[in-house]
Amino acid sequence: MRAVGAHLWGDEFDERWVQIANSFGGGVAGTHAHLCGALSGGLMVLGLRYGRTSASTPDEPLYGRIRRFRQRFADEIGSVMCRALRDKGPYGPQGPLNCRILVERATAILLECLDEPAGG
């Protein structure tokens, strides 16, 4: 969140966004039971950049980007669920890779998705 947010918004980046995203670490508060925190952070960045600001604005431009980001994340990283990545995948204490590597890969995927056309 911090690296991509600062890249996109520079001096306008609000550190409170990092505080908000912190609750998603470890699949929600370290439980490893929900969405991967790196995926959740990416969804938040996409929402900050492309999310609607009124009820009359359509959701689809954002949702299309989110679906593509989620699918690329799942394809490249192996799952969107923290527990699956930790228990059955290469990440976490039992795997050869730690979550820092996962976050770096997720950030690269997010950066690729950020500037794609809404329908592309």
PDB file of N, CA and C in Angstrom:
ATOM      1  N   MET A   1       0.835  -1.187   0.000  1.00  0.00           N
ATOM      2  CA  MET A   1       0.000   0.000   0.000  1.00  0.00           C
ATOM      3  C   MET A   1       0.878   1.248   0.000  1.00  0.00           C
ATOM      4  N   ARG A   2       1.874   1.286   0.857  1.00  0.00           N
ATOM      5  CA  ARG A   2       2.710   2.481   0.959  1.00  0.00           C
ATOM      6  C   ARG A   2       3.495   2.722  -0.333  1.00  0.00           C
ATOM      7  N   ALA A   3       4.154   1.701  -0.853  1.00  0.00           N
ATOM      8  CA  ALA A   3       4.992   1.887  -2.043  1.00  0.00           C
ATOM      9  C   ALA A   3       4.165   2.306  -3.248  1.00  0.00           C
ATOM     10  N   VAL A   4       3.080   1.625  -3.496  1.00  0.00           N
ATOM     11  CA  VAL A   4       2.251   1.950  -4.656  1.00  0.00           C
ATOM     12  C   VAL A   4       1.516   3.264  -4.423  1.00  0.00           C
ATOM     13  N   GLY A   5       1.003   3.462  -3.226  1.00  0.00           N
ATOM     14  CA  GLY A   5       0.283   4.706  -2.921  1.00  0.00           C
ATOM     15  C   GLY A   5       1.161   5.932  -3.070  1.00  0.00           C
ATOM     16  N   ALA A   6       2.380   5.867  -2.560  1.00  0.00           N
ATOM     17  CA  ALA A   6       3.297   7.003  -2.692  1.00  0.00           C
ATOM     18  C   ALA A   6       3.662   7.230  -4.154  1.00  0.00           C
ATOM     19  N   HIS A   7       3.777   6.146  -4.911  1.00  0.00           N
ATOM     20  CA  HIS A   7       4.071   6.249  -6.348  1.00  0.00           C
ATOM     21  C   HIS A   7       2.940   6.962  -7.078  1.00  0.00           C
ATOM     22  N   LEU A   8       1.707   6.662  -6.721  1.00  0.00           N
ATOM     23  CA  LEU A   8       0.557   7.232  -7.416  1.00  0.00           C
ATOM     24  C   LEU A   8       0.202   8.636  -6.950  1.00  0.00           C
ATOM     25  N   TRP A   9       0.294   8.877  -5.641  1.00  0.00           N
ATOM     26  CA  TRP A   9      -0.193  10.129  -5.097  1.00  0.00           C
ATOM     27  C   TRP A   9       0.899  11.036  -4.536  1.00  0.00           C
ATOM     28  N   GLY A  10       2.146  10.582  -4.515  1.00  0.00           N
ATOM     29  CA  GLY A  10       3.256  11.417  -4.056  1.00  0.00           C
ATOM     30  C   GLY A  10       3.004  12.020  -2.693  1.00  0.00           C
ATOM     31  N   ASP A  11       3.151  13.327  -2.589  1.00  0.00           N
ATOM     32  CA  ASP A  11       2.986  14.026  -1.311  1.00  0.00           C
ATOM     33  C   ASP A  11       1.558  13.986  -0.788  1.00  0.00           C
ATOM     34  N   GLU A  12       0.608  13.645  -1.648  1.00  0.00           N
ATOM     35  CA  GLU A  12      -0.782  13.568  -1.210  1.00  0.00           C
ATOM     36  C   GLU A  12      -1.115  12.224  -0.565  1.00  0.00           C
ATOM     37  N   PHE A  13      -0.156  11.300  -0.569  1.00  0.00           N
ATOM     38  CA  PHE A  13      -0.394   9.987   0.058  1.00  0.00           C
ATOM     39  C   PHE A  13      -0.652  10.185   1.539  1.00  0.00           C
ATOM     40  N   ASP A  14      -1.684   9.574   2.021  1.00  0.00           N
ATOM     41  CA  ASP A  14      -2.098   9.706   3.416  1.00  0.00           C
ATOM     42  C   ASP A  14      -1.705   8.438   4.172  1.00  0.00           C
ATOM     43  N   GLU A  15      -0.864   8.563   5.168  1.00  0.00           N
ATOM     44  CA  GLU A  15      -0.406   7.416   5.957  1.00  0.00           C
ATOM     45  C   GLU A  15      -1.560   6.686   6.650  1.00  0.00           C
ATOM     46  N   ARG A  16      -2.701   7.334   6.791  1.00  0.00           N
ATOM     47  CA  ARG A  16      -3.860   6.648   7.386  1.00  0.00           C
ATOM     48  C   ARG A  16      -4.308   5.481   6.511  1.00  0.00           C
ATOM     49  N   TRP A  17      -4.019   5.540   5.207  1.00  0.00           N
ATOM     50  CA  TRP A  17      -4.353   4.434   4.317  1.00  0.00           C
ATOM     51  C   TRP A  17      -3.579   3.185   4.730  1.00  0.00           C
ATOM     52  N   VAL A  18      -2.341   3.356   5.161  1.00  0.00           N
ATOM     53  CA  VAL A  18      -1.544   2.223   5.644  1.00  0.00           C
ATOM     54  C   VAL A  18      -2.171   1.674   6.925  1.00  0.00           C
ATOM     55  N   GLN A  19      -2.620   2.551   7.785  1.00  0.00           N
ATOM     56  CA  GLN A  19      -3.270   2.103   9.019  1.00  0.00           C
ATOM     57  C   GLN A  19      -4.525   1.291   8.707  1.00  0.00           C
ATOM     58  N   ILE A  20      -5.310   1.755   7.771  1.00  0.00           N
ATOM     59  CA  ILE A  20      -6.531   1.036   7.395  1.00  0.00           C
ATOM     60  C   ILE A  20      -6.176  -0.335   6.829  1.00  0.00           C
ATOM     61  N   ALA A  21      -5.188  -0.393   5.971  1.00  0.00           N
ATOM     62  CA  ALA A  21      -4.801  -1.651   5.332  1.00  0.00           C
ATOM     63  C   ALA A  21      -4.164  -2.628   6.314  1.00  0.00           C
ATOM     64  N   ASN A  22      -3.588  -2.135   7.397  1.00  0.00           N
ATOM     65  CA  ASN A  22      -2.884  -2.988   8.357  1.00  0.00           C
ATOM     66  C   ASN A  22      -3.760  -4.107   8.907  1.00  0.00           C
ATOM     67  N   SER A  23      -5.038  -3.873   9.019  1.00  0.00           N
ATOM     68  CA  SER A  23      -5.929  -4.894   9.576  1.00  0.00           C
ATOM     69  C   SER A  23      -6.075  -6.112   8.678  1.00  0.00           C
ATOM     70  N   PHE A  24      -5.684  -5.994   7.399  1.00  0.00           N
ATOM     71  CA  PHE A  24      -5.814  -7.110   6.464  1.00  0.00           C
ATOM     72  C   PHE A  24      -4.576  -8.003   6.420  1.00  0.00           C
ATOM     73  N   GLY A  25      -3.519  -7.624   7.112  1.00  0.00           N
ATOM     74  CA  GLY A  25      -2.296  -8.428   7.104  1.00  0.00           C
ATOM     75  C   GLY A  25      -2.532  -9.823   7.660  1.00  0.00           C
ATOM     76  N   GLY A  26      -1.912 -10.804   7.027  1.00  0.00           N
ATOM     77  CA  GLY A  26      -2.065 -12.177   7.495  1.00  0.00           C
ATOM     78  C   GLY A  26      -3.471 -12.704   7.329  1.00  0.00           C
ATOM     79  N   GLY A  27      -4.153 -12.279   6.274  1.00  0.00           N
ATOM     80  CA  GLY A  27      -5.502 -12.786   6.024  1.00  0.00           C
ATOM     81  C   GLY A  27      -6.500 -12.320   7.061  1.00  0.00           C
ATOM     82  N   VAL A  28      -6.443 -11.104   7.489  1.00  0.00           N
ATOM     83  CA  VAL A  28      -7.239 -10.401   8.500  1.00  0.00           C
ATOM     84  C   VAL A  28      -6.681 -10.693   9.893  1.00  0.00           C
ATOM     85  N   ALA A  29      -5.950  -9.744  10.381  1.00  0.00           N
ATOM     86  CA  ALA A  29      -5.420  -9.749  11.746  1.00  0.00           C
ATOM     87  C   ALA A  29      -4.590 -10.987  12.075  1.00  0.00           C
ATOM     88  N   GLY A  30      -3.864 -11.498  11.087  1.00  0.00           N
ATOM     89  CA  GLY A  30      -2.997 -12.634  11.332  1.00  0.00           C
ATOM     90  C   GLY A  30      -3.696 -13.965  11.509  1.00  0.00           C
ATOM     91  N   THR A  31      -4.989 -14.040  11.203  1.00  0.00           N
ATOM     92  CA  THR A  31      -5.729 -15.298  11.362  1.00  0.00           C
ATOM     93  C   THR A  31      -5.441 -16.279  10.237  1.00  0.00           C
ATOM     94  N   HIS A  32      -4.974 -15.771   9.107  1.00  0.00           N
ATOM     95  CA  HIS A  32      -4.694 -16.569   7.907  1.00  0.00           C
ATOM     96  C   HIS A  32      -5.956 -17.230   7.356  1.00  0.00           C
ATOM     97  N   ALA A  33      -7.116 -16.714   7.719  1.00  0.00           N
ATOM     98  CA  ALA A  33      -8.373 -17.357   7.357  1.00  0.00           C
ATOM     99  C   ALA A  33      -9.104 -16.682   6.201  1.00  0.00           C
ATOM    100  N   HIS A  34      -8.590 -15.584   5.700  1.00  0.00           N
ATOM    101  CA  HIS A  34      -9.331 -14.820   4.701  1.00  0.00           C
ATOM    102  C   HIS A  34      -8.428 -14.472   3.520  1.00  0.00           C
ATOM    103  N   LEU A  35      -8.864 -13.504   2.727  1.00  0.00           N
ATOM    104  CA  LEU A  35      -8.077 -13.057   1.585  1.00  0.00           C
ATOM    105  C   LEU A  35      -6.667 -12.687   2.009  1.00  0.00           C
ATOM    106  N   CYS A  36      -5.724 -12.974   1.146  1.00  0.00           N
ATOM    107  CA  CYS A  36      -4.336 -12.567   1.361  1.00  0.00           C
ATOM    108  C   CYS A  36      -4.293 -11.054   1.534  1.00  0.00           C
ATOM    109  N   GLY A  37      -3.551 -10.578   2.518  1.00  0.00           N
ATOM    110  CA  GLY A  37      -3.442  -9.148   2.779  1.00  0.00           C
ATOM    111  C   GLY A  37      -2.869  -8.375   1.606  1.00  0.00           C
ATOM    112  N   ALA A  38      -1.982  -8.992   0.832  1.00  0.00           N
ATOM    113  CA  ALA A  38      -1.421  -8.318  -0.341  1.00  0.00           C
ATOM    114  C   ALA A  38      -2.499  -8.098  -1.398  1.00  0.00           C
ATOM    115  N   LEU A  39      -3.397  -9.049  -1.551  1.00  0.00           N
ATOM    116  CA  LEU A  39      -4.521  -8.876  -2.474  1.00  0.00           C
ATOM    117  C   LEU A  39      -5.445  -7.782  -1.955  1.00  0.00           C
ATOM    118  N   SER A  40      -5.765  -7.821  -0.669  1.00  0.00           N
ATOM    119  CA  SER A  40      -6.644  -6.812  -0.075  1.00  0.00           C
ATOM    120  C   SER A  40      -6.068  -5.414  -0.250  1.00  0.00           C
ATOM    121  N   GLY A  41      -4.778  -5.260  -0.023  1.00  0.00           N
ATOM    122  CA  GLY A  41      -4.142  -3.959  -0.202  1.00  0.00           C
ATOM    123  C   GLY A  41      -4.240  -3.479  -1.642  1.00  0.00           C
ATOM    124  N   GLY A  42      -4.045  -4.388  -2.587  1.00  0.00           N
ATOM    125  CA  GLY A  42      -4.178  -4.032  -3.996  1.00  0.00           C
ATOM    126  C   GLY A  42      -5.587  -3.596  -4.340  1.00  0.00           C
ATOM    127  N   LEU A  43      -6.575  -4.276  -3.772  1.00  0.00           N
ATOM    128  CA  LEU A  43      -7.969  -3.896  -4.011  1.00  0.00           C
ATOM    129  C   LEU A  43      -8.235  -2.500  -3.481  1.00  0.00           C
ATOM    130  N   MET A  44      -7.645  -2.183  -2.330  1.00  0.00           N
ATOM    131  CA  MET A  44      -7.821  -0.852  -1.757  1.00  0.00           C
ATOM    132  C   MET A  44      -7.194   0.217  -2.655  1.00  0.00           C
ATOM    133  N   VAL A  45      -6.020  -0.052  -3.188  1.00  0.00           N
ATOM    134  CA  VAL A  45      -5.365   0.912  -4.084  1.00  0.00           C
ATOM    135  C   VAL A  45      -6.209   1.121  -5.339  1.00  0.00           C
ATOM    136  N   LEU A  46      -6.709   0.038  -5.913  1.00  0.00           N
ATOM    137  CA  LEU A  46      -7.566   0.172  -7.097  1.00  0.00           C
ATOM    138  C   LEU A  46      -8.819   0.988  -6.769  1.00  0.00           C
ATOM    139  N   GLY A  47      -9.398   0.740  -5.609  1.00  0.00           N
ATOM    140  CA  GLY A  47     -10.571   1.512  -5.196  1.00  0.00           C
ATOM    141  C   GLY A  47     -10.254   2.986  -5.013  1.00  0.00           C
ATOM    142  N   LEU A  48      -9.095   3.273  -4.416  1.00  0.00           N
ATOM    143  CA  LEU A  48      -8.701   4.675  -4.238  1.00  0.00           C
ATOM    144  C   LEU A  48      -8.493   5.366  -5.580  1.00  0.00           C
ATOM    145  N   ARG A  49      -7.978   4.639  -6.540  1.00  0.00           N
ATOM    146  CA  ARG A  49      -7.682   5.250  -7.841  1.00  0.00           C
ATOM    147  C   ARG A  49      -8.900   5.317  -8.753  1.00  0.00           C
ATOM    148  N   TYR A  50      -9.716   4.262  -8.774  1.00  0.00           N
ATOM    149  CA  TYR A  50     -10.789   4.173  -9.761  1.00  0.00           C
ATOM    150  C   TYR A  50     -12.190   4.072  -9.154  1.00  0.00           C
ATOM    151  N   GLY A  51     -12.294   4.030  -7.853  1.00  0.00           N
ATOM    152  CA  GLY A  51     -13.604   3.844  -7.224  1.00  0.00           C
ATOM    153  C   GLY A  51     -14.542   5.013  -7.458  1.00  0.00           C
ATOM    154  N   ARG A  52     -15.799   4.700  -7.458  1.00  0.00           N
ATOM    155  CA  ARG A  52     -16.802   5.736  -7.704  1.00  0.00           C
ATOM    156  C   ARG A  52     -16.921   6.670  -6.502  1.00  0.00           C
ATOM    157  N   THR A  53     -17.369   7.862  -6.773  1.00  0.00           N
ATOM    158  CA  THR A  53     -17.534   8.862  -5.716  1.00  0.00           C
ATOM    159  C   THR A  53     -18.984   9.258  -5.529  1.00  0.00           C
ATOM    160  N   SER A  54     -19.883   8.644  -6.306  1.00  0.00           N
ATOM    161  CA  SER A  54     -21.312   8.893  -6.125  1.00  0.00           C
ATOM    162  C   SER A  54     -22.076   7.628  -6.505  1.00  0.00           C
ATOM    163  N   ALA A  55     -23.276   7.520  -5.973  1.00  0.00           N
ATOM    164  CA  ALA A  55     -24.107   6.344  -6.238  1.00  0.00           C
ATOM    165  C   ALA A  55     -24.548   6.273  -7.698  1.00  0.00           C
ATOM    166  N   SER A  56     -24.503   7.376  -8.404  1.00  0.00           N
ATOM    167  CA  SER A  56     -24.942   7.368  -9.805  1.00  0.00           C
ATOM    168  C   SER A  56     -23.828   6.951 -10.765  1.00  0.00           C
ATOM    169  N   THR A  57     -22.618   6.791 -10.276  1.00  0.00           N
ATOM    170  CA  THR A  57     -21.500   6.367 -11.115  1.00  0.00           C
ATOM    171  C   THR A  57     -21.478   4.844 -11.171  1.00  0.00           C
ATOM    172  N   PRO A  58     -21.279   4.254 -12.349  1.00  0.00           N
ATOM    173  CA  PRO A  58     -21.268   2.790 -12.439  1.00  0.00           C
ATOM    174  C   PRO A  58     -20.045   2.167 -11.750  1.00  0.00           C
ATOM    175  N   ASP A  59     -20.235   0.980 -11.201  1.00  0.00           N
ATOM    176  CA  ASP A  59     -19.159   0.238 -10.549  1.00  0.00           C
ATOM    177  C   ASP A  59     -18.240  -0.457 -11.549  1.00  0.00           C
ATOM    178  N   GLU A  60     -18.729  -0.757 -12.717  1.00  0.00           N
ATOM    179  CA  GLU A  60     -18.030  -1.643 -13.643  1.00  0.00           C
ATOM    180  C   GLU A  60     -16.606  -1.221 -14.005  1.00  0.00           C
ATOM    181  N   PRO A  61     -16.304   0.045 -14.224  1.00  0.00           N
ATOM    182  CA  PRO A  61     -14.905   0.364 -14.537  1.00  0.00           C
ATOM    183  C   PRO A  61     -13.932  -0.118 -13.452  1.00  0.00           C
ATOM    184  N   LEU A  62     -14.320   0.011 -12.215  1.00  0.00           N
ATOM    185  CA  LEU A  62     -13.487  -0.481 -11.110  1.00  0.00           C
ATOM    186  C   LEU A  62     -13.550  -2.001 -11.038  1.00  0.00           C
ATOM    187  N   TYR A  63     -14.727  -2.558 -11.096  1.00  0.00           N
ATOM    188  CA  TYR A  63     -14.884  -4.001 -10.916  1.00  0.00           C
ATOM    189  C   TYR A  63     -14.153  -4.803 -11.986  1.00  0.00           C
ATOM    190  N   GLY A  64     -14.145  -4.307 -13.218  1.00  0.00           N
ATOM    191  CA  GLY A  64     -13.397  -4.992 -14.269  1.00  0.00           C
ATOM    192  C   GLY A  64     -11.913  -5.051 -13.947  1.00  0.00           C
ATOM    193  N   ARG A  65     -11.363  -3.951 -13.475  1.00  0.00           N
ATOM    194  CA  ARG A  65      -9.946  -3.923 -13.086  1.00  0.00           C
ATOM    195  C   ARG A  65      -9.692  -4.868 -11.919  1.00  0.00           C
ATOM    196  N   ILE A  66     -10.594  -4.880 -10.958  1.00  0.00           N
ATOM    197  CA  ILE A  66     -10.429  -5.750  -9.797  1.00  0.00           C
ATOM    198  C   ILE A  66     -10.471  -7.213 -10.213  1.00  0.00           C
ATOM    199  N   ARG A  67     -11.403  -7.572 -11.085  1.00  0.00           N
ATOM    200  CA  ARG A  67     -11.467  -8.965 -11.536  1.00  0.00           C
ATOM    201  C   ARG A  67     -10.175  -9.383 -12.228  1.00  0.00           C
ATOM    202  N   ARG A  68      -9.634  -8.496 -13.063  1.00  0.00           N
ATOM    203  CA  ARG A  68      -8.369  -8.824 -13.750  1.00  0.00           C
ATOM    204  C   ARG A  68      -7.218  -8.938 -12.755  1.00  0.00           C
ATOM    205  N   PHE A  69      -7.137  -8.021 -11.796  1.00  0.00           N
ATOM    206  CA  PHE A  69      -6.077  -8.080 -10.787  1.00  0.00           C
ATOM    207  C   PHE A  69      -6.195  -9.370  -9.971  1.00  0.00           C
ATOM    208  N   ARG A  70      -7.402  -9.682  -9.535  1.00  0.00           N
ATOM    209  CA  ARG A  70      -7.620 -10.898  -8.733  1.00  0.00           C
ATOM    210  C   ARG A  70      -7.230 -12.153  -9.516  1.00  0.00           C
ATOM    211  N   GLN A  71      -7.621 -12.208 -10.788  1.00  0.00           N
ATOM    212  CA  GLN A  71      -7.306 -13.393 -11.587  1.00  0.00           C
ATOM    213  C   GLN A  71      -5.805 -13.529 -11.815  1.00  0.00           C
ATOM    214  N   ARG A  72      -5.139 -12.447 -12.144  1.00  0.00           N
ATOM    215  CA  ARG A  72      -3.683 -12.503 -12.325  1.00  0.00           C
ATOM    216  C   ARG A  72      -2.985 -12.889 -11.030  1.00  0.00           C
ATOM    217  N   PHE A  73      -3.458 -12.351  -9.921  1.00  0.00           N
ATOM    218  CA  PHE A  73      -2.907 -12.687  -8.610  1.00  0.00           C
ATOM    219  C   PHE A  73      -3.033 -14.190  -8.374  1.00  0.00           C
ATOM    220  N   ALA A  74      -4.235 -14.722  -8.567  1.00  0.00           N
ATOM    221  CA  ALA A  74      -4.478 -16.153  -8.350  1.00  0.00           C
ATOM    222  C   ALA A  74      -3.627 -17.004  -9.286  1.00  0.00           C
ATOM    223  N   ASP A  75      -3.549 -16.618 -10.551  1.00  0.00           N
ATOM    224  CA  ASP A  75      -2.785 -17.390 -11.527  1.00  0.00           C
ATOM    225  C   ASP A  75      -1.301 -17.414 -11.200  1.00  0.00           C
ATOM    226  N   GLU A  76      -0.747 -16.264 -10.862  1.00  0.00           N
ATOM    227  CA  GLU A  76       0.693 -16.180 -10.644  1.00  0.00           C
ATOM    228  C   GLU A  76       1.118 -16.604  -9.240  1.00  0.00           C
ATOM    229  N   ILE A  77       0.322 -16.272  -8.249  1.00  0.00           N
ATOM    230  CA  ILE A  77       0.729 -16.535  -6.864  1.00  0.00           C
ATOM    231  C   ILE A  77       0.183 -17.869  -6.373  1.00  0.00           C
ATOM    232  N   GLY A  78      -0.948 -18.305  -6.914  1.00  0.00           N
ATOM    233  CA  GLY A  78      -1.429 -19.635  -6.590  1.00  0.00           C
ATOM    234  C   GLY A  78      -2.764 -19.706  -5.894  1.00  0.00           C
ATOM    235  N   SER A  79      -3.173 -18.660  -5.231  1.00  0.00           N
ATOM    236  CA  SER A  79      -4.459 -18.604  -4.549  1.00  0.00           C
ATOM    237  C   SER A  79      -4.696 -17.167  -4.128  1.00  0.00           C
ATOM    238  N   VAL A  80      -5.924 -16.853  -3.738  1.00  0.00           N
ATOM    239  CA  VAL A  80      -6.208 -15.536  -3.160  1.00  0.00           C
ATOM    240  C   VAL A  80      -6.383 -15.643  -1.645  1.00  0.00           C
ATOM    241  N   MET A  81      -6.401 -16.869  -1.132  1.00  0.00           N
ATOM    242  CA  MET A  81      -6.635 -17.104   0.295  1.00  0.00           C
ATOM    243  C   MET A  81      -5.319 -17.286   1.047  1.00  0.00           C
ATOM    244  N   CYS A  82      -5.179 -16.569   2.127  1.00  0.00           N
ATOM    245  CA  CYS A  82      -3.954 -16.613   2.919  1.00  0.00           C
ATOM    246  C   CYS A  82      -3.623 -18.036   3.377  1.00  0.00           C
ATOM    247  N   ARG A  83      -4.579 -18.730   3.941  1.00  0.00           N
ATOM    248  CA  ARG A  83      -4.307 -20.075   4.468  1.00  0.00           C
ATOM    249  C   ARG A  83      -3.812 -21.023   3.374  1.00  0.00           C
ATOM    250  N   ALA A  84      -4.416 -20.955   2.209  1.00  0.00           N
ATOM    251  CA  ALA A  84      -3.983 -21.823   1.110  1.00  0.00           C
ATOM    252  C   ALA A  84      -2.548 -21.509   0.702  1.00  0.00           C
ATOM    253  N   LEU A  85      -2.195 -20.249   0.684  1.00  0.00           N
ATOM    254  CA  LEU A  85      -0.829 -19.862   0.319  1.00  0.00           C
ATOM    255  C   LEU A  85       0.172 -20.304   1.376  1.00  0.00           C
ATOM    256  N   ARG A  86      -0.226 -20.234   2.623  1.00  0.00           N
ATOM    257  CA  ARG A  86       0.672 -20.604   3.725  1.00  0.00           C
ATOM    258  C   ARG A  86       0.748 -22.116   3.918  1.00  0.00           C
ATOM    259  N   ASP A  87      -0.412 -22.775   3.897  1.00  0.00           N
ATOM    260  CA  ASP A  87      -0.445 -24.197   4.230  1.00  0.00           C
ATOM    261  C   ASP A  87      -0.148 -25.108   3.047  1.00  0.00           C
ATOM    262  N   LYS A  88      -0.544 -24.702   1.851  1.00  0.00           N
ATOM    263  CA  LYS A  88      -0.381 -25.562   0.681  1.00  0.00           C
ATOM    264  C   LYS A  88       0.536 -24.948  -0.366  1.00  0.00           C
ATOM    265  N   GLY A  89       0.878 -23.706  -0.184  1.00  0.00           N
ATOM    266  CA  GLY A  89       1.687 -23.005  -1.173  1.00  0.00           C
ATOM    267  C   GLY A  89       3.109 -22.790  -0.694  1.00  0.00           C
ATOM    268  N   PRO A  90       3.839 -21.997  -1.439  1.00  0.00           N
ATOM    269  CA  PRO A  90       5.251 -21.814  -1.126  1.00  0.00           C
ATOM    270  C   PRO A  90       5.529 -20.733  -0.082  1.00  0.00           C
ATOM    271  N   TYR A  91       4.494 -20.099   0.462  1.00  0.00           N
ATOM    272  CA  TYR A  91       4.713 -18.965   1.354  1.00  0.00           C
ATOM    273  C   TYR A  91       4.486 -19.350   2.804  1.00  0.00           C
ATOM    274  N   GLY A  92       4.972 -18.514   3.696  1.00  0.00           N
ATOM    275  CA  GLY A  92       4.776 -18.725   5.120  1.00  0.00           C
ATOM    276  C   GLY A  92       5.851 -19.585   5.733  1.00  0.00           C
ATOM    277  N   PRO A  93       5.676 -19.957   6.984  1.00  0.00           N
ATOM    278  CA  PRO A  93       6.735 -20.650   7.730  1.00  0.00           C
ATOM    279  C   PRO A  93       7.100 -22.033   7.192  1.00  0.00           C
ATOM    280  N   GLN A  94       6.172 -22.712   6.528  1.00  0.00           N
ATOM    281  CA  GLN A  94       6.456 -24.048   6.005  1.00  0.00           C
ATOM    282  C   GLN A  94       6.994 -24.034   4.573  1.00  0.00           C
ATOM    283  N   GLY A  95       6.897 -22.898   3.914  1.00  0.00           N
ATOM    284  CA  GLY A  95       7.309 -22.819   2.516  1.00  0.00           C
ATOM    285  C   GLY A  95       8.684 -22.210   2.351  1.00  0.00           C
ATOM    286  N   PRO A  96       9.226 -22.319   1.145  1.00  0.00           N
ATOM    287  CA  PRO A  96      10.561 -21.789   0.884  1.00  0.00           C
ATOM    288  C   PRO A  96      10.592 -20.267   0.730  1.00  0.00           C
ATOM    289  N   LEU A  97       9.432 -19.626   0.583  1.00  0.00           N
ATOM    290  CA  LEU A  97       9.372 -18.183   0.383  1.00  0.00           C
ATOM    291  C   LEU A  97       8.612 -17.527   1.528  1.00  0.00           C
ATOM    292  N   ASN A  98       9.018 -16.326   1.895  1.00  0.00           N
ATOM    293  CA  ASN A  98       8.240 -15.625   2.913  1.00  0.00           C
ATOM    294  C   ASN A  98       7.265 -14.658   2.254  1.00  0.00           C
ATOM    295  N   CYS A  99       6.412 -14.063   3.048  1.00  0.00           N
ATOM    296  CA  CYS A  99       5.361 -13.202   2.504  1.00  0.00           C
ATOM    297  C   CYS A  99       5.927 -11.931   1.878  1.00  0.00           C
ATOM    298  N   ARG A 100       7.108 -11.521   2.225  1.00  0.00           N
ATOM    299  CA  ARG A 100       7.696 -10.344   1.600  1.00  0.00           C
ATOM    300  C   ARG A 100       7.831 -10.566   0.090  1.00  0.00           C
ATOM    301  N   ILE A 101       8.223 -11.762  -0.303  1.00  0.00           N
ATOM    302  CA  ILE A 101       8.329 -12.091  -1.727  1.00  0.00           C
ATOM    303  C   ILE A 101       6.949 -12.041  -2.370  1.00  0.00           C
ATOM    304  N   LEU A 102       5.942 -12.560  -1.693  1.00  0.00           N
ATOM    305  CA  LEU A 102       4.569 -12.532  -2.198  1.00  0.00           C
ATOM    306  C   LEU A 102       4.120 -11.090  -2.403  1.00  0.00           C
ATOM    307  N   VAL A 103       4.389 -10.221  -1.440  1.00  0.00           N
ATOM    308  CA  VAL A 103       3.983  -8.818  -1.547  1.00  0.00           C
ATOM    309  C   VAL A 103       4.683  -8.153  -2.729  1.00  0.00           C
ATOM    310  N   GLU A 104       5.943  -8.448  -2.939  1.00  0.00           N
ATOM    311  CA  GLU A 104       6.661  -7.883  -4.090  1.00  0.00           C
ATOM    312  C   GLU A 104       6.021  -8.346  -5.400  1.00  0.00           C
ATOM    313  N   ARG A 105       5.684  -9.615  -5.491  1.00  0.00           N
ATOM    314  CA  ARG A 105       5.041 -10.129  -6.704  1.00  0.00           C
ATOM    315  C   ARG A 105       3.659  -9.505  -6.891  1.00  0.00           C
ATOM    316  N   ALA A 106       2.891  -9.384  -5.804  1.00  0.00           N
ATOM    317  CA  ALA A 106       1.555  -8.782  -5.876  1.00  0.00           C
ATOM    318  C   ALA A 106       1.650  -7.320  -6.309  1.00  0.00           C
ATOM    319  N   THR A 107       2.653  -6.609  -5.817  1.00  0.00           N
ATOM    320  CA  THR A 107       2.844  -5.206  -6.193  1.00  0.00           C
ATOM    321  C   THR A 107       3.146  -5.082  -7.680  1.00  0.00           C
ATOM    322  N   ALA A 108       3.974  -5.975  -8.203  1.00  0.00           N
ATOM    323  CA  ALA A 108       4.285  -5.950  -9.638  1.00  0.00           C
ATOM    324  C   ALA A 108       3.024  -6.185 -10.469  1.00  0.00           C
ATOM    325  N   ILE A 109       2.197  -7.122 -10.049  1.00  0.00           N
ATOM    326  CA  ILE A 109       0.944  -7.399 -10.757  1.00  0.00           C
ATOM    327  C   ILE A 109       0.037  -6.173 -10.694  1.00  0.00           C
ATOM    328  N   LEU A 110      -0.061  -5.570  -9.519  1.00  0.00           N
ATOM    329  CA  LEU A 110      -0.913  -4.388  -9.351  1.00  0.00           C
ATOM    330  C   LEU A 110      -0.452  -3.248 -10.253  1.00  0.00           C
ATOM    331  N   LEU A 111       0.846  -3.004 -10.281  1.00  0.00           N
ATOM    332  CA  LEU A 111       1.359  -1.919 -11.128  1.00  0.00           C
ATOM    333  C   LEU A 111       1.031  -2.154 -12.594  1.00  0.00           C
ATOM    334  N   GLU A 112       1.069  -3.414 -13.032  1.00  0.00           N
ATOM    335  CA  GLU A 112       0.695  -3.728 -14.410  1.00  0.00           C
ATOM    336  C   GLU A 112      -0.783  -3.453 -14.663  1.00  0.00           C
ATOM    337  N   CYS A 113      -1.609  -3.712 -13.677  1.00  0.00           N
ATOM    338  CA  CYS A 113      -3.055  -3.563 -13.826  1.00  0.00           C
ATOM    339  C   CYS A 113      -3.547  -2.112 -13.688  1.00  0.00           C
ATOM    340  N   LEU A 114      -2.779  -1.298 -12.990  1.00  0.00           N
ATOM    341  CA  LEU A 114      -3.272   0.047 -12.662  1.00  0.00           C
ATOM    342  C   LEU A 114      -3.593   0.909 -13.877  1.00  0.00           C
ATOM    343  N   ASP A 115      -2.773   0.857 -14.881  1.00  0.00           N
ATOM    344  CA  ASP A 115      -2.968   1.766 -16.009  1.00  0.00           C
ATOM    345  C   ASP A 115      -3.606   1.123 -17.227  1.00  0.00           C
ATOM    346  N   GLU A 116      -4.092  -0.097 -17.053  1.00  0.00           N
ATOM    347  CA  GLU A 116      -4.797  -0.737 -18.172  1.00  0.00           C
ATOM    348  C   GLU A 116      -6.139  -0.051 -18.403  1.00  0.00           C
ATOM    349  N   PRO A 117      -6.615  -0.063 -19.632  1.00  0.00           N
ATOM    350  CA  PRO A 117      -7.953   0.482 -19.881  1.00  0.00           C
ATOM    351  C   PRO A 117      -9.000  -0.295 -19.086  1.00  0.00           C
ATOM    352  N   ALA A 118     -10.077   0.349 -18.770  1.00  0.00           N
ATOM    353  CA  ALA A 118     -11.126  -0.260 -17.949  1.00  0.00           C
ATOM    354  C   ALA A 118     -11.620  -1.573 -18.542  1.00  0.00           C
ATOM    355  N   GLY A 119     -11.766  -1.668 -19.834  1.00  0.00           N
ATOM    356  CA  GLY A 119     -12.271  -2.882 -20.458  1.00  0.00           C
ATOM    357  C   GLY A 119     -11.194  -3.859 -20.851  1.00  0.00           C
ATOM    358  N   GLY A 120      -9.933  -3.443 -20.793  1.00  0.00           N
ATOM    359  CA  GLY A 120      -8.840  -4.252 -21.327  1.00  0.00           C
ATOM    360  C   GLY A 120      -8.332  -5.229 -20.439  1.00  0.00           C
TER     361      GLY A 120
END
